[in-house]
PDB file of N, CA and C in Angstrom:
ATOM      1  N   UNK A   1      29.920  42.253 -73.252  1.00  0.00           N
ATOM      2  CA  UNK A   1      30.557  41.424 -72.258  1.00  0.00           C
ATOM      3  C   UNK A   1      29.759  40.128 -72.136  1.00  0.00           C
ATOM      4  N   UNK A   2      30.443  38.999 -72.184  1.00  0.00           N
ATOM      5  CA  UNK A   2      29.794  37.707 -72.006  1.00  0.00           C
ATOM      6  C   UNK A   2      29.504  37.476 -70.534  1.00  0.00           C
ATOM      7  N   UNK A   3      28.324  36.915 -70.279  1.00  0.00           N
ATOM      8  CA  UNK A   3      27.948  36.597 -68.903  1.00  0.00           C
ATOM      9  C   UNK A   3      28.486  35.223 -68.542  1.00  0.00           C
ATOM     10  N   UNK A   4      29.060  35.084 -67.376  1.00  0.00           N
ATOM     11  CA  UNK A   4      29.534  33.765 -66.932  1.00  0.00           C
ATOM     12  C   UNK A   4      28.344  32.857 -66.627  1.00  0.00           C
ATOM     13  N   UNK A   5      28.597  31.559 -66.531  1.00  0.00           N
ATOM     14  CA  UNK A   5      27.549  30.589 -66.231  1.00  0.00           C
ATOM     15  C   UNK A   5      27.844  29.907 -64.903  1.00  0.00           C
ATOM     16  N   UNK A   6      26.801  29.700 -64.102  1.00  0.00           N
ATOM     17  CA  UNK A   6      26.909  28.956 -62.846  1.00  0.00           C
ATOM     18  C   UNK A   6      28.065  29.446 -61.977  1.00  0.00           C
ATOM     19  N   UNK A   7      28.053  30.685 -61.611  1.00  0.00           N
ATOM     20  CA  UNK A   7      29.153  31.285 -60.858  1.00  0.00           C
ATOM     21  C   UNK A   7      28.895  31.285 -59.359  1.00  0.00           C
ATOM     22  N   UNK A   8      29.949  31.039 -58.600  1.00  0.00           N
ATOM     23  CA  UNK A   8      29.939  31.252 -57.158  1.00  0.00           C
ATOM     24  C   UNK A   8      30.992  32.311 -56.871  1.00  0.00           C
ATOM     25  N   UNK A   9      30.550  33.403 -56.292  1.00  0.00           N
ATOM     26  CA  UNK A   9      31.450  34.482 -55.914  1.00  0.00           C
ATOM     27  C   UNK A   9      31.738  34.308 -54.433  1.00  0.00           C
ATOM     28  N   UNK A  10      32.990  34.021 -54.094  1.00  0.00           N
ATOM     29  CA  UNK A  10      33.372  33.816 -52.700  1.00  0.00           C
ATOM     30  C   UNK A  10      34.029  35.096 -52.193  1.00  0.00           C
ATOM     31  N   UNK A  11      33.492  35.611 -51.092  1.00  0.00           N
ATOM     32  CA  UNK A  11      34.027  36.831 -50.496  1.00  0.00           C
ATOM     33  C   UNK A  11      34.596  36.481 -49.129  1.00  0.00           C
ATOM     34  N   UNK A  12      35.909  36.550 -48.998  1.00  0.00           N
ATOM     35  CA  UNK A  12      36.558  36.367 -47.703  1.00  0.00           C
ATOM     36  C   UNK A  12      36.517  37.696 -46.956  1.00  0.00           C
ATOM     37  N   UNK A  13      36.285  37.647 -45.679  1.00  0.00           N
ATOM     38  CA  UNK A  13      36.114  38.875 -44.900  1.00  0.00           C
ATOM     39  C   UNK A  13      34.744  39.472 -45.150  1.00  0.00           C
ATOM     40  N   UNK A  14      33.761  38.607 -45.321  1.00  0.00           N
ATOM     41  CA  UNK A  14      32.425  39.020 -45.753  1.00  0.00           C
ATOM     42  C   UNK A  14      31.691  39.893 -44.743  1.00  0.00           C
ATOM     43  N   UNK A  15      32.106  39.883 -43.497  1.00  0.00           N
ATOM     44  CA  UNK A  15      31.426  40.717 -42.496  1.00  0.00           C
ATOM     45  C   UNK A  15      32.117  42.068 -42.301  1.00  0.00           C
ATOM     46  N   UNK A  16      33.101  42.348 -43.130  1.00  0.00           N
ATOM     47  CA  UNK A  16      33.877  43.573 -42.963  1.00  0.00           C
ATOM     48  C   UNK A  16      33.375  44.767 -43.753  1.00  0.00           C
ATOM     49  N   UNK A  17      34.029  45.897 -43.524  1.00  0.00           N
ATOM     50  CA  UNK A  17      33.642  47.160 -44.152  1.00  0.00           C
ATOM     51  C   UNK A  17      33.780  47.157 -45.670  1.00  0.00           C
ATOM     52  N   UNK A  18      34.834  46.554 -46.202  1.00  0.00           N
ATOM     53  CA  UNK A  18      35.020  46.533 -47.654  1.00  0.00           C
ATOM     54  C   UNK A  18      33.844  45.838 -48.332  1.00  0.00           C
ATOM     55  N   UNK A  19      33.423  44.726 -47.774  1.00  0.00           N
ATOM     56  CA  UNK A  19      32.280  44.000 -48.332  1.00  0.00           C
ATOM     57  C   UNK A  19      31.022  44.846 -48.247  1.00  0.00           C
ATOM     58  N   UNK A  20      30.792  45.399 -47.072  1.00  0.00           N
ATOM     59  CA  UNK A  20      29.566  46.155 -46.807  1.00  0.00           C
ATOM     60  C   UNK A  20      29.473  47.429 -47.649  1.00  0.00           C
ATOM     61  N   UNK A  21      30.571  48.149 -47.743  1.00  0.00           N
ATOM     62  CA  UNK A  21      30.534  49.468 -48.371  1.00  0.00           C
ATOM     63  C   UNK A  21      30.829  49.467 -49.866  1.00  0.00           C
ATOM     64  N   UNK A  22      31.588  48.489 -50.344  1.00  0.00           N
ATOM     65  CA  UNK A  22      32.033  48.524 -51.738  1.00  0.00           C
ATOM     66  C   UNK A  22      31.625  47.291 -52.553  1.00  0.00           C
ATOM     67  N   UNK A  23      31.998  46.102 -52.066  1.00  0.00           N
ATOM     68  CA  UNK A  23      31.809  44.893 -52.881  1.00  0.00           C
ATOM     69  C   UNK A  23      30.342  44.577 -53.148  1.00  0.00           C
ATOM     70  N   UNK A  24      29.538  44.553 -52.109  1.00  0.00           N
ATOM     71  CA  UNK A  24      28.138  44.168 -52.276  1.00  0.00           C
ATOM     72  C   UNK A  24      27.351  45.209 -53.080  1.00  0.00           C
ATOM     73  N   UNK A  25      27.494  46.502 -52.811  1.00  0.00           N
ATOM     74  CA  UNK A  25      26.810  47.462 -53.681  1.00  0.00           C
ATOM     75  C   UNK A  25      27.246  47.343 -55.151  1.00  0.00           C
ATOM     76  N   UNK A  26      28.523  47.060 -55.394  1.00  0.00           N
ATOM     77  CA  UNK A  26      28.998  46.900 -56.777  1.00  0.00           C
ATOM     78  C   UNK A  26      28.412  45.644 -57.416  1.00  0.00           C
ATOM     79  N   UNK A  27      28.362  44.553 -56.668  1.00  0.00           N
ATOM     80  CA  UNK A  27      27.760  43.327 -57.199  1.00  0.00           C
ATOM     81  C   UNK A  27      26.272  43.517 -57.479  1.00  0.00           C
ATOM     82  N   UNK A  28      25.595  44.267 -56.637  1.00  0.00           N
ATOM     83  CA  UNK A  28      24.182  44.541 -56.866  1.00  0.00           C
ATOM     84  C   UNK A  28      23.991  45.347 -58.146  1.00  0.00           C
ATOM     85  N   UNK A  29      24.868  46.289 -58.407  1.00  0.00           N
ATOM     86  CA  UNK A  29      24.782  47.060 -59.657  1.00  0.00           C
ATOM     87  C   UNK A  29      24.963  46.145 -60.874  1.00  0.00           C
ATOM     88  N   UNK A  30      25.911  45.215 -60.786  1.00  0.00           N
ATOM     89  CA  UNK A  30      26.090  44.252 -61.880  1.00  0.00           C
ATOM     90  C   UNK A  30      24.833  43.403 -62.062  1.00  0.00           C
ATOM     91  N   UNK A  31      24.224  43.002 -60.962  1.00  0.00           N
ATOM     92  CA  UNK A  31      22.998  42.207 -61.002  1.00  0.00           C
ATOM     93  C   UNK A  31      21.876  42.990 -61.693  1.00  0.00           C
ATOM     94  N   UNK A  32      21.694  44.239 -61.303  1.00  0.00           N
ATOM     95  CA  UNK A  32      20.639  45.072 -61.900  1.00  0.00           C
ATOM     96  C   UNK A  32      20.846  45.265 -63.397  1.00  0.00           C
ATOM     97  N   UNK A  33      22.098  45.314 -63.823  1.00  0.00           N
ATOM     98  CA  UNK A  33      22.407  45.518 -65.237  1.00  0.00           C
ATOM     99  C   UNK A  33      22.389  44.212 -66.037  1.00  0.00           C
ATOM    100  N   UNK A  34      22.097  43.098 -65.368  1.00  0.00           N
ATOM    101  CA  UNK A  34      22.033  41.808 -66.051  1.00  0.00           C
ATOM    102  C   UNK A  34      23.391  41.236 -66.397  1.00  0.00           C
ATOM    103  N   UNK A  35      24.418  41.628 -65.674  1.00  0.00           N
ATOM    104  CA  UNK A  35      25.776  41.178 -65.973  1.00  0.00           C
ATOM    105  C   UNK A  35      26.228  39.991 -65.124  1.00  0.00           C
ATOM    106  N   UNK A  36      25.396  39.553 -64.176  1.00  0.00           N
ATOM    107  CA  UNK A  36      25.672  38.319 -63.443  1.00  0.00           C
ATOM    108  C   UNK A  36      24.829  37.215 -64.076  1.00  0.00           C
ATOM    109  N   UNK A  37      25.333  36.013 -64.041  1.00  0.00           N
ATOM    110  CA  UNK A  37      24.577  34.916 -64.644  1.00  0.00           C
ATOM    111  C   UNK A  37      23.318  34.624 -63.834  1.00  0.00           C
ATOM    112  N   UNK A  38      22.395  33.905 -64.445  1.00  0.00           N
ATOM    113  CA  UNK A  38      21.147  33.570 -63.758  1.00  0.00           C
ATOM    114  C   UNK A  38      21.381  32.646 -62.571  1.00  0.00           C
ATOM    115  N   UNK A  39      22.381  31.794 -62.670  1.00  0.00           N
ATOM    116  CA  UNK A  39      22.664  30.803 -61.624  1.00  0.00           C
ATOM    117  C   UNK A  39      23.883  31.199 -60.794  1.00  0.00           C
ATOM    118  N   UNK A  40      23.886  32.411 -60.281  1.00  0.00           N
ATOM    119  CA  UNK A  40      25.019  32.846 -59.468  1.00  0.00           C
ATOM    120  C   UNK A  40      24.697  32.668 -57.987  1.00  0.00           C
ATOM    121  N   UNK A  41      25.732  32.575 -57.206  1.00  0.00           N
ATOM    122  CA  UNK A  41      25.598  32.567 -55.749  1.00  0.00           C
ATOM    123  C   UNK A  41      26.740  33.383 -55.168  1.00  0.00           C
ATOM    124  N   UNK A  42      26.468  34.000 -54.038  1.00  0.00           N
ATOM    125  CA  UNK A  42      27.497  34.704 -53.284  1.00  0.00           C
ATOM    126  C   UNK A  42      27.704  33.911 -52.009  1.00  0.00           C
ATOM    127  N   UNK A  43      28.939  33.540 -51.755  1.00  0.00           N
ATOM    128  CA  UNK A  43      29.272  32.835 -50.516  1.00  0.00           C
ATOM    129  C   UNK A  43      30.169  33.735 -49.688  1.00  0.00           C
ATOM    130  N   UNK A  44      29.639  34.214 -48.590  1.00  0.00           N
ATOM    131  CA  UNK A  44      30.415  35.031 -47.673  1.00  0.00           C
ATOM    132  C   UNK A  44      31.142  34.139 -46.683  1.00  0.00           C
ATOM    133  N   UNK A  45      32.422  34.400 -46.510  1.00  0.00           N
ATOM    134  CA  UNK A  45      33.244  33.615 -45.589  1.00  0.00           C
ATOM    135  C   UNK A  45      33.913  34.581 -44.620  1.00  0.00           C
ATOM    136  N   UNK A  46      33.774  34.283 -43.328  1.00  0.00           N
ATOM    137  CA  UNK A  46      34.373  35.128 -42.310  1.00  0.00           C
ATOM    138  C   UNK A  46      34.312  34.397 -40.971  1.00  0.00           C
ATOM    139  N   UNK A  47      34.899  34.993 -39.959  1.00  0.00           N
ATOM    140  CA  UNK A  47      34.859  34.390 -38.620  1.00  0.00           C
ATOM    141  C   UNK A  47      33.583  34.734 -37.865  1.00  0.00           C
ATOM    142  N   UNK A  48      32.918  35.803 -38.249  1.00  0.00           N
ATOM    143  CA  UNK A  48      31.685  36.205 -37.566  1.00  0.00           C
ATOM    144  C   UNK A  48      30.645  35.100 -37.649  1.00  0.00           C
ATOM    145  N   UNK A  49      29.834  35.008 -36.619  1.00  0.00           N
ATOM    146  CA  UNK A  49      28.816  33.957 -36.541  1.00  0.00           C
ATOM    147  C   UNK A  49      27.509  34.463 -37.143  1.00  0.00           C
ATOM    148  N   UNK A  50      27.376  34.321 -38.458  1.00  0.00           N
ATOM    149  CA  UNK A  50      26.144  34.668 -39.162  1.00  0.00           C
ATOM    150  C   UNK A  50      25.486  33.390 -39.644  1.00  0.00           C
ATOM    151  N   UNK A  51      24.175  33.428 -39.764  1.00  0.00           N
ATOM    152  CA  UNK A  51      23.454  32.391 -40.498  1.00  0.00           C
ATOM    153  C   UNK A  51      23.283  32.908 -41.928  1.00  0.00           C
ATOM    154  N   UNK A  52      22.781  32.075 -42.820  1.00  0.00           N
ATOM    155  CA  UNK A  52      22.502  32.554 -44.177  1.00  0.00           C
ATOM    156  C   UNK A  52      21.516  33.721 -44.128  1.00  0.00           C
ATOM    157  N   UNK A  53      20.476  33.588 -43.325  1.00  0.00           N
ATOM    158  CA  UNK A  53      19.454  34.630 -43.223  1.00  0.00           C
ATOM    159  C   UNK A  53      20.024  35.933 -42.658  1.00  0.00           C
ATOM    160  N   UNK A  54      20.832  35.832 -41.624  1.00  0.00           N
ATOM    161  CA  UNK A  54      21.455  37.022 -41.038  1.00  0.00           C
ATOM    162  C   UNK A  54      22.370  37.701 -42.048  1.00  0.00           C
ATOM    163  N   UNK A  55      23.100  36.901 -42.817  1.00  0.00           N
ATOM    164  CA  UNK A  55      23.994  37.451 -43.838  1.00  0.00           C
ATOM    165  C   UNK A  55      23.192  38.151 -44.928  1.00  0.00           C
ATOM    166  N   UNK A  56      22.084  37.560 -45.329  1.00  0.00           N
ATOM    167  CA  UNK A  56      21.231  38.198 -46.349  1.00  0.00           C
ATOM    168  C   UNK A  56      20.702  39.533 -45.851  1.00  0.00           C
ATOM    169  N   UNK A  57      20.276  39.585 -44.598  1.00  0.00           N
ATOM    170  CA  UNK A  57      19.805  40.846 -44.020  1.00  0.00           C
ATOM    171  C   UNK A  57      20.927  41.880 -43.992  1.00  0.00           C
ATOM    172  N   UNK A  58      22.133  41.437 -43.672  1.00  0.00           N
ATOM    173  CA  UNK A  58      23.308  42.302 -43.640  1.00  0.00           C
ATOM    174  C   UNK A  58      23.579  42.891 -45.033  1.00  0.00           C
ATOM    175  N   UNK A  59      23.492  42.046 -46.058  1.00  0.00           N
ATOM    176  CA  UNK A  59      23.712  42.508 -47.429  1.00  0.00           C
ATOM    177  C   UNK A  59      22.618  43.480 -47.860  1.00  0.00           C
ATOM    178  N   UNK A  60      21.386  43.149 -47.543  1.00  0.00           N
ATOM    179  CA  UNK A  60      20.243  43.999 -47.889  1.00  0.00           C
ATOM    180  C   UNK A  60      20.439  45.397 -47.310  1.00  0.00           C
ATOM    181  N   UNK A  61      20.723  45.457 -46.027  1.00  0.00           N
ATOM    182  CA  UNK A  61      20.932  46.747 -45.356  1.00  0.00           C
ATOM    183  C   UNK A  61      22.138  47.491 -45.909  1.00  0.00           C
ATOM    184  N   UNK A  62      23.191  46.746 -46.250  1.00  0.00           N
ATOM    185  CA  UNK A  62      24.401  47.369 -46.798  1.00  0.00           C
ATOM    186  C   UNK A  62      24.118  48.052 -48.122  1.00  0.00           C
ATOM    187  N   UNK A  63      23.374  47.383 -49.003  1.00  0.00           N
ATOM    188  CA  UNK A  63      23.056  47.978 -50.299  1.00  0.00           C
ATOM    189  C   UNK A  63      22.192  49.220 -50.107  1.00  0.00           C
ATOM    190  N   UNK A  64      21.193  49.129 -49.246  1.00  0.00           N
ATOM    191  CA  UNK A  64      20.340  50.298 -49.012  1.00  0.00           C
ATOM    192  C   UNK A  64      21.144  51.488 -48.499  1.00  0.00           C
ATOM    193  N   UNK A  65      22.119  51.223 -47.650  1.00  0.00           N
ATOM    194  CA  UNK A  65      22.886  52.310 -47.042  1.00  0.00           C
ATOM    195  C   UNK A  65      24.009  52.838 -47.938  1.00  0.00           C
ATOM    196  N   UNK A  66      24.686  51.938 -48.670  1.00  0.00           N
ATOM    197  CA  UNK A  66      25.911  52.351 -49.360  1.00  0.00           C
ATOM    198  C   UNK A  66      25.819  52.374 -50.884  1.00  0.00           C
ATOM    199  N   UNK A  67      24.703  51.977 -51.446  1.00  0.00           N
ATOM    200  CA  UNK A  67      24.563  52.017 -52.898  1.00  0.00           C
ATOM    201  C   UNK A  67      24.528  53.463 -53.371  1.00  0.00           C
ATOM    202  N   UNK A  68      25.117  53.707 -54.528  1.00  0.00           N
ATOM    203  CA  UNK A  68      25.100  55.063 -55.081  1.00  0.00           C
ATOM    204  C   UNK A  68      23.727  55.421 -55.629  1.00  0.00           C
ATOM    205  N   UNK A  69      22.921  54.399 -55.950  1.00  0.00           N
ATOM    206  CA  UNK A  69      21.556  54.642 -56.407  1.00  0.00           C
ATOM    207  C   UNK A  69      20.686  55.003 -55.216  1.00  0.00           C
ATOM    208  N   UNK A  70      19.948  56.060 -55.342  1.00  0.00           N
ATOM    209  CA  UNK A  70      19.080  56.483 -54.249  1.00  0.00           C
ATOM    210  C   UNK A  70      17.686  55.861 -54.341  1.00  0.00           C
ATOM    211  N   UNK A  71      17.400  55.217 -55.453  1.00  0.00           N
ATOM    212  CA  UNK A  71      16.067  54.643 -55.671  1.00  0.00           C
ATOM    213  C   UNK A  71      16.145  53.122 -55.835  1.00  0.00           C
ATOM    214  N   UNK A  72      16.692  52.448 -54.854  1.00  0.00           N
ATOM    215  CA  UNK A  72      16.866  50.999 -54.916  1.00  0.00           C
ATOM    216  C   UNK A  72      15.513  50.302 -54.831  1.00  0.00           C
ATOM    217  N   UNK A  73      15.238  49.446 -55.814  1.00  0.00           N
ATOM    218  CA  UNK A  73      14.011  48.645 -55.832  1.00  0.00           C
ATOM    219  C   UNK A  73      14.199  47.493 -54.848  1.00  0.00           C
ATOM    220  N   UNK A  74      13.431  47.490 -53.782  1.00  0.00           N
ATOM    221  CA  UNK A  74      13.611  46.496 -52.723  1.00  0.00           C
ATOM    222  C   UNK A  74      13.250  45.082 -53.174  1.00  0.00           C
ATOM    223  N   UNK A  75      12.350  44.945 -54.126  1.00  0.00           N
ATOM    224  CA  UNK A  75      12.023  43.608 -54.637  1.00  0.00           C
ATOM    225  C   UNK A  75      13.196  43.021 -55.419  1.00  0.00           C
ATOM    226  N   UNK A  76      13.843  43.846 -56.220  1.00  0.00           N
ATOM    227  CA  UNK A  76      15.028  43.392 -56.960  1.00  0.00           C
ATOM    228  C   UNK A  76      16.137  43.055 -55.975  1.00  0.00           C
ATOM    229  N   UNK A  77      16.289  43.872 -54.960  1.00  0.00           N
ATOM    230  CA  UNK A  77      17.309  43.636 -53.944  1.00  0.00           C
ATOM    231  C   UNK A  77      17.039  42.336 -53.183  1.00  0.00           C
ATOM    232  N   UNK A  78      15.777  42.043 -52.873  1.00  0.00           N
ATOM    233  CA  UNK A  78      15.425  40.779 -52.205  1.00  0.00           C
ATOM    234  C   UNK A  78      15.814  39.585 -53.064  1.00  0.00           C
ATOM    235  N   UNK A  79      15.569  39.685 -54.371  1.00  0.00           N
ATOM    236  CA  UNK A  79      15.958  38.601 -55.287  1.00  0.00           C
ATOM    237  C   UNK A  79      17.471  38.426 -55.321  1.00  0.00           C
ATOM    238  N   UNK A  80      18.189  39.530 -55.284  1.00  0.00           N
ATOM    239  CA  UNK A  80      19.643  39.493 -55.290  1.00  0.00           C
ATOM    240  C   UNK A  80      20.186  38.798 -54.045  1.00  0.00           C
ATOM    241  N   UNK A  81      19.742  39.213 -52.867  1.00  0.00           N
ATOM    242  CA  UNK A  81      20.288  38.644 -51.634  1.00  0.00           C
ATOM    243  C   UNK A  81      19.822  37.212 -51.392  1.00  0.00           C
ATOM    244  N   UNK A  82      18.771  36.780 -52.074  1.00  0.00           N
ATOM    245  CA  UNK A  82      18.319  35.388 -51.942  1.00  0.00           C
ATOM    246  C   UNK A  82      19.377  34.411 -52.446  1.00  0.00           C
ATOM    247  N   UNK A  83      20.324  34.906 -53.214  1.00  0.00           N
ATOM    248  CA  UNK A  83      21.412  34.084 -53.749  1.00  0.00           C
ATOM    249  C   UNK A  83      22.645  34.088 -52.859  1.00  0.00           C
ATOM    250  N   UNK A  84      22.522  34.608 -51.653  1.00  0.00           N
ATOM    251  CA  UNK A  84      23.671  34.739 -50.751  1.00  0.00           C
ATOM    252  C   UNK A  84      23.642  33.665 -49.662  1.00  0.00           C
ATOM    253  N   UNK A  85      24.824  33.164 -49.345  1.00  0.00           N
ATOM    254  CA  UNK A  85      25.001  32.134 -48.326  1.00  0.00           C
ATOM    255  C   UNK A  85      26.215  32.521 -47.489  1.00  0.00           C
ATOM    256  N   UNK A  86      26.346  31.889 -46.339  1.00  0.00           N
ATOM    257  CA  UNK A  86      27.409  32.285 -45.428  1.00  0.00           C
ATOM    258  C   UNK A  86      28.067  31.063 -44.801  1.00  0.00           C
ATOM    259  N   UNK A  87      29.353  31.176 -44.588  1.00  0.00           N
ATOM    260  CA  UNK A  87      30.119  30.134 -43.920  1.00  0.00           C
ATOM    261  C   UNK A  87      31.065  30.787 -42.923  1.00  0.00           C
ATOM    262  N   UNK A  88      30.928  30.394 -41.673  1.00  0.00           N
ATOM    263  CA  UNK A  88      31.811  30.908 -40.633  1.00  0.00           C
ATOM    264  C   UNK A  88      32.942  29.911 -40.411  1.00  0.00           C
ATOM    265  N   UNK A  89      34.172  30.346 -40.694  1.00  0.00           N
ATOM    266  CA  UNK A  89      35.339  29.495 -40.457  1.00  0.00           C
ATOM    267  C   UNK A  89      36.481  30.337 -39.914  1.00  0.00           C
ATOM    268  N   UNK A  90      37.434  29.656 -39.323  1.00  0.00           N
ATOM    269  CA  UNK A  90      38.678  30.294 -38.914  1.00  0.00           C
ATOM    270  C   UNK A  90      39.614  30.192 -40.117  1.00  0.00           C
ATOM    271  N   UNK A  91      39.809  31.288 -40.811  1.00  0.00           N
ATOM    272  CA  UNK A  91      40.608  31.268 -42.038  1.00  0.00           C
ATOM    273  C   UNK A  91      42.083  30.989 -41.793  1.00  0.00           C
ATOM    274  N   UNK A  92      42.507  31.036 -40.548  1.00  0.00           N
ATOM    275  CA  UNK A  92      43.901  30.726 -40.227  1.00  0.00           C
ATOM    276  C   UNK A  92      44.126  29.231 -40.012  1.00  0.00           C
ATOM    277  N   UNK A  93      43.048  28.465 -39.924  1.00  0.00           N
ATOM    278  CA  UNK A  93      43.126  27.016 -39.724  1.00  0.00           C
ATOM    279  C   UNK A  93      42.928  26.314 -41.057  1.00  0.00           C
ATOM    280  N   UNK A  94      43.977  25.720 -41.567  1.00  0.00           N
ATOM    281  CA  UNK A  94      43.947  25.071 -42.876  1.00  0.00           C
ATOM    282  C   UNK A  94      42.877  23.969 -42.950  1.00  0.00           C
ATOM    283  N   UNK A  95      42.577  23.339 -41.844  1.00  0.00           N
ATOM    284  CA  UNK A  95      41.583  22.268 -41.829  1.00  0.00           C
ATOM    285  C   UNK A  95      40.166  22.779 -42.078  1.00  0.00           C
ATOM    286  N   UNK A  96      39.921  24.035 -41.817  1.00  0.00           N
ATOM    287  CA  UNK A  96      38.588  24.610 -42.012  1.00  0.00           C
ATOM    288  C   UNK A  96      38.226  24.790 -43.490  1.00  0.00           C
ATOM    289  N   UNK A  97      39.216  24.796 -44.353  1.00  0.00           N
ATOM    290  CA  UNK A  97      38.935  25.004 -45.769  1.00  0.00           C
ATOM    291  C   UNK A  97      38.194  23.833 -46.402  1.00  0.00           C
ATOM    292  N   UNK A  98      38.202  22.685 -45.764  1.00  0.00           N
ATOM    293  CA  UNK A  98      37.411  21.564 -46.273  1.00  0.00           C
ATOM    294  C   UNK A  98      35.916  21.895 -46.177  1.00  0.00           C
ATOM    295  N   UNK A  99      35.510  22.706 -45.192  1.00  0.00           N
ATOM    296  CA  UNK A  99      34.116  23.135 -45.087  1.00  0.00           C
ATOM    297  C   UNK A  99      33.738  24.031 -46.266  1.00  0.00           C
ATOM    298  N   UNK A 100      34.679  24.845 -46.689  1.00  0.00           N
ATOM    299  CA  UNK A 100      34.447  25.715 -47.842  1.00  0.00           C
ATOM    300  C   UNK A 100      34.234  24.877 -49.098  1.00  0.00           C
ATOM    301  N   UNK A 101      35.049  23.873 -49.273  1.00  0.00           N
ATOM    302  CA  UNK A 101      34.926  22.999 -50.438  1.00  0.00           C
ATOM    303  C   UNK A 101      33.548  22.316 -50.456  1.00  0.00           C
ATOM    304  N   UNK A 102      33.095  21.853 -49.303  1.00  0.00           N
ATOM    305  CA  UNK A 102      31.788  21.188 -49.212  1.00  0.00           C
ATOM    306  C   UNK A 102      30.657  22.157 -49.492  1.00  0.00           C
ATOM    307  N   UNK A 103      30.777  23.377 -49.022  1.00  0.00           N
ATOM    308  CA  UNK A 103      29.700  24.366 -49.175  1.00  0.00           C
ATOM    309  C   UNK A 103      29.538  24.801 -50.634  1.00  0.00           C
ATOM    310  N   UNK A 104      30.598  24.778 -51.421  1.00  0.00           N
ATOM    311  CA  UNK A 104      30.521  25.240 -52.799  1.00  0.00           C
ATOM    312  C   UNK A 104      30.091  24.153 -53.771  1.00  0.00           C
ATOM    313  N   UNK A 105      29.831  22.983 -53.301  1.00  0.00           N
ATOM    314  CA  UNK A 105      29.385  21.912 -54.206  1.00  0.00           C
ATOM    315  C   UNK A 105      27.904  21.927 -54.397  1.00  0.00           C
TER     316      UNK A 105
END
């Protein structure tokens, strides 16, 4: 499988159960296997009021709790979540999507 270059993975509903229980643990597994590019970023988008740091802590805890691997290397996990960022917007307001465009540049 070819690895993509300079990827931004945008997750809408980033503070929800699907992200916490399924998406983030799966992305972490891809990261551990070297299947994500070196220059990847995860951008979580949701209405919840998170900072980048709070979102990273949320992802860290989610992987520890919901990953199928019982022996998660916390240093590798710290490197993984360091690539995560967060944007709080009202997804029902079309004008808010301009913030998303600015954040991904």
